[in-house]
């Protein structure tokens, strides 16, 4: 589910912020990678806390 959120959010932000195909592709990949990595790190940090 977080992967779908990462892709869709990155796609929308890319079209709002960047112009030009090459800049959009690069920005999209960087944002998607950041969202996925931060989601995994956040889940890993919250794992020890039993909520």
N, C-alpha and C. Protein backbone atom coordinates (compact mmCIF):
# COMPACT_ATOMS: atom_id res chain seq x y z
N UNK A 1 0.82 -1.19 0.00
CA UNK A 1 0.00 0.00 0.00
C UNK A 1 0.87 1.27 0.00
N UNK A 2 1.96 1.22 0.76
CA UNK A 2 2.85 2.38 0.80
C UNK A 2 3.54 2.59 -0.54
N UNK A 3 3.77 1.51 -1.28
CA UNK A 3 4.39 1.64 -2.59
C UNK A 3 3.46 2.37 -3.55
N UNK A 4 2.18 2.06 -3.51
CA UNK A 4 1.20 2.75 -4.36
C UNK A 4 1.13 4.23 -3.98
N UNK A 5 1.11 4.51 -2.67
CA UNK A 5 1.10 5.90 -2.20
C UNK A 5 2.36 6.63 -2.67
N UNK A 6 3.51 5.98 -2.58
CA UNK A 6 4.78 6.59 -2.99
C UNK A 6 4.77 6.94 -4.47
N UNK A 7 4.29 6.02 -5.29
CA UNK A 7 4.28 6.24 -6.74
C UNK A 7 3.31 7.37 -7.10
N UNK A 8 2.11 7.33 -6.56
CA UNK A 8 1.12 8.35 -6.92
C UNK A 8 1.50 9.73 -6.40
N UNK A 9 2.00 9.81 -5.20
CA UNK A 9 2.41 11.10 -4.64
C UNK A 9 3.59 11.67 -5.42
N UNK A 10 4.55 10.82 -5.73
CA UNK A 10 5.70 11.28 -6.51
C UNK A 10 5.28 11.76 -7.89
N UNK A 11 4.35 11.06 -8.49
CA UNK A 11 3.88 11.44 -9.82
C UNK A 11 3.20 12.81 -9.81
N UNK A 12 2.32 13.02 -8.84
CA UNK A 12 1.61 14.30 -8.75
C UNK A 12 2.58 15.44 -8.46
N UNK A 13 3.47 15.25 -7.49
CA UNK A 13 4.43 16.30 -7.15
C UNK A 13 5.37 16.61 -8.31
N UNK A 14 5.74 15.59 -9.07
CA UNK A 14 6.62 15.79 -10.22
C UNK A 14 5.96 16.69 -11.26
N UNK A 15 4.70 16.43 -11.56
CA UNK A 15 4.02 17.24 -12.56
C UNK A 15 3.73 18.66 -12.07
N UNK A 16 3.62 18.84 -10.77
CA UNK A 16 3.40 20.18 -10.24
C UNK A 16 4.67 21.02 -10.19
N UNK A 17 5.82 20.38 -9.97
CA UNK A 17 7.04 21.11 -9.69
C UNK A 17 7.95 21.27 -10.91
N UNK A 18 8.15 20.20 -11.67
CA UNK A 18 9.16 20.22 -12.73
C UNK A 18 8.55 20.37 -14.11
N UNK A 19 9.38 20.91 -15.02
CA UNK A 19 9.00 21.03 -16.42
C UNK A 19 10.08 20.37 -17.26
N UNK A 20 9.68 19.73 -18.32
CA UNK A 20 10.62 19.01 -19.17
C UNK A 20 10.64 17.54 -18.79
N UNK A 21 10.69 16.69 -19.79
CA UNK A 21 10.59 15.25 -19.57
C UNK A 21 11.76 14.70 -18.77
N UNK A 22 12.97 15.12 -19.11
CA UNK A 22 14.16 14.58 -18.43
C UNK A 22 14.17 14.97 -16.95
N UNK A 23 13.85 16.21 -16.65
CA UNK A 23 13.82 16.68 -15.26
C UNK A 23 12.72 15.97 -14.48
N UNK A 24 11.58 15.74 -15.12
CA UNK A 24 10.47 15.07 -14.44
C UNK A 24 10.82 13.63 -14.10
N UNK A 25 11.44 12.93 -15.04
CA UNK A 25 11.79 11.52 -14.77
C UNK A 25 12.78 11.43 -13.63
N UNK A 26 13.79 12.28 -13.66
CA UNK A 26 14.81 12.27 -12.60
C UNK A 26 14.19 12.61 -11.24
N UNK A 27 13.37 13.64 -11.20
CA UNK A 27 12.72 14.07 -9.95
C UNK A 27 11.78 12.98 -9.44
N UNK A 28 11.03 12.35 -10.34
CA UNK A 28 10.12 11.28 -9.96
C UNK A 28 10.87 10.13 -9.31
N UNK A 29 11.95 9.71 -9.91
CA UNK A 29 12.72 8.58 -9.37
C UNK A 29 13.33 8.91 -8.01
N UNK A 30 13.84 10.13 -7.87
CA UNK A 30 14.41 10.53 -6.58
C UNK A 30 13.34 10.57 -5.51
N UNK A 31 12.18 11.17 -5.81
CA UNK A 31 11.10 11.24 -4.82
C UNK A 31 10.57 9.86 -4.44
N UNK A 32 10.37 9.01 -5.44
CA UNK A 32 9.84 7.69 -5.17
C UNK A 32 10.83 6.90 -4.30
N UNK A 33 12.10 6.96 -4.63
CA UNK A 33 13.12 6.28 -3.84
C UNK A 33 13.12 6.79 -2.40
N UNK A 34 13.02 8.10 -2.23
CA UNK A 34 13.02 8.70 -0.89
C UNK A 34 11.79 8.26 -0.09
N UNK A 35 10.61 8.28 -0.72
CA UNK A 35 9.39 7.86 -0.03
C UNK A 35 9.48 6.40 0.41
N UNK A 36 9.95 5.53 -0.47
CA UNK A 36 10.04 4.10 -0.15
C UNK A 36 11.04 3.86 0.98
N UNK A 37 12.22 4.47 0.87
CA UNK A 37 13.24 4.27 1.90
C UNK A 37 12.77 4.83 3.24
N UNK A 38 12.18 6.01 3.24
CA UNK A 38 11.71 6.59 4.50
C UNK A 38 10.56 5.79 5.11
N UNK A 39 9.73 5.19 4.28
CA UNK A 39 8.66 4.33 4.79
C UNK A 39 9.22 3.09 5.48
N UNK A 40 10.21 2.48 4.86
CA UNK A 40 10.84 1.29 5.45
C UNK A 40 11.55 1.66 6.75
N UNK A 41 12.30 2.75 6.75
CA UNK A 41 13.01 3.19 7.96
C UNK A 41 12.02 3.54 9.07
N UNK A 42 10.94 4.24 8.72
CA UNK A 42 9.93 4.58 9.72
C UNK A 42 9.29 3.34 10.33
N UNK A 43 8.97 2.36 9.49
CA UNK A 43 8.40 1.12 10.00
C UNK A 43 9.38 0.36 10.87
N UNK A 44 10.64 0.38 10.49
CA UNK A 44 11.67 -0.30 11.26
C UNK A 44 11.85 0.37 12.63
N UNK A 45 11.80 1.70 12.66
CA UNK A 45 11.95 2.41 13.93
C UNK A 45 10.74 2.22 14.86
N UNK A 46 9.55 2.05 14.30
CA UNK A 46 8.35 1.87 15.11
C UNK A 46 8.12 0.42 15.53
N UNK A 47 8.86 -0.52 14.95
CA UNK A 47 8.65 -1.95 15.23
C UNK A 47 8.73 -2.31 16.70
N UNK A 48 9.69 -1.77 17.46
CA UNK A 48 9.78 -2.20 18.87
C UNK A 48 8.66 -1.68 19.77
N UNK A 49 7.89 -0.72 19.34
CA UNK A 49 6.85 -0.15 20.19
C UNK A 49 5.51 -0.83 19.94
N UNK A 50 4.99 -1.55 20.93
CA UNK A 50 3.74 -2.32 20.74
C UNK A 50 2.50 -1.44 20.93
N UNK A 51 2.02 -0.86 19.88
CA UNK A 51 0.81 -0.04 19.96
C UNK A 51 -0.39 -0.85 19.57
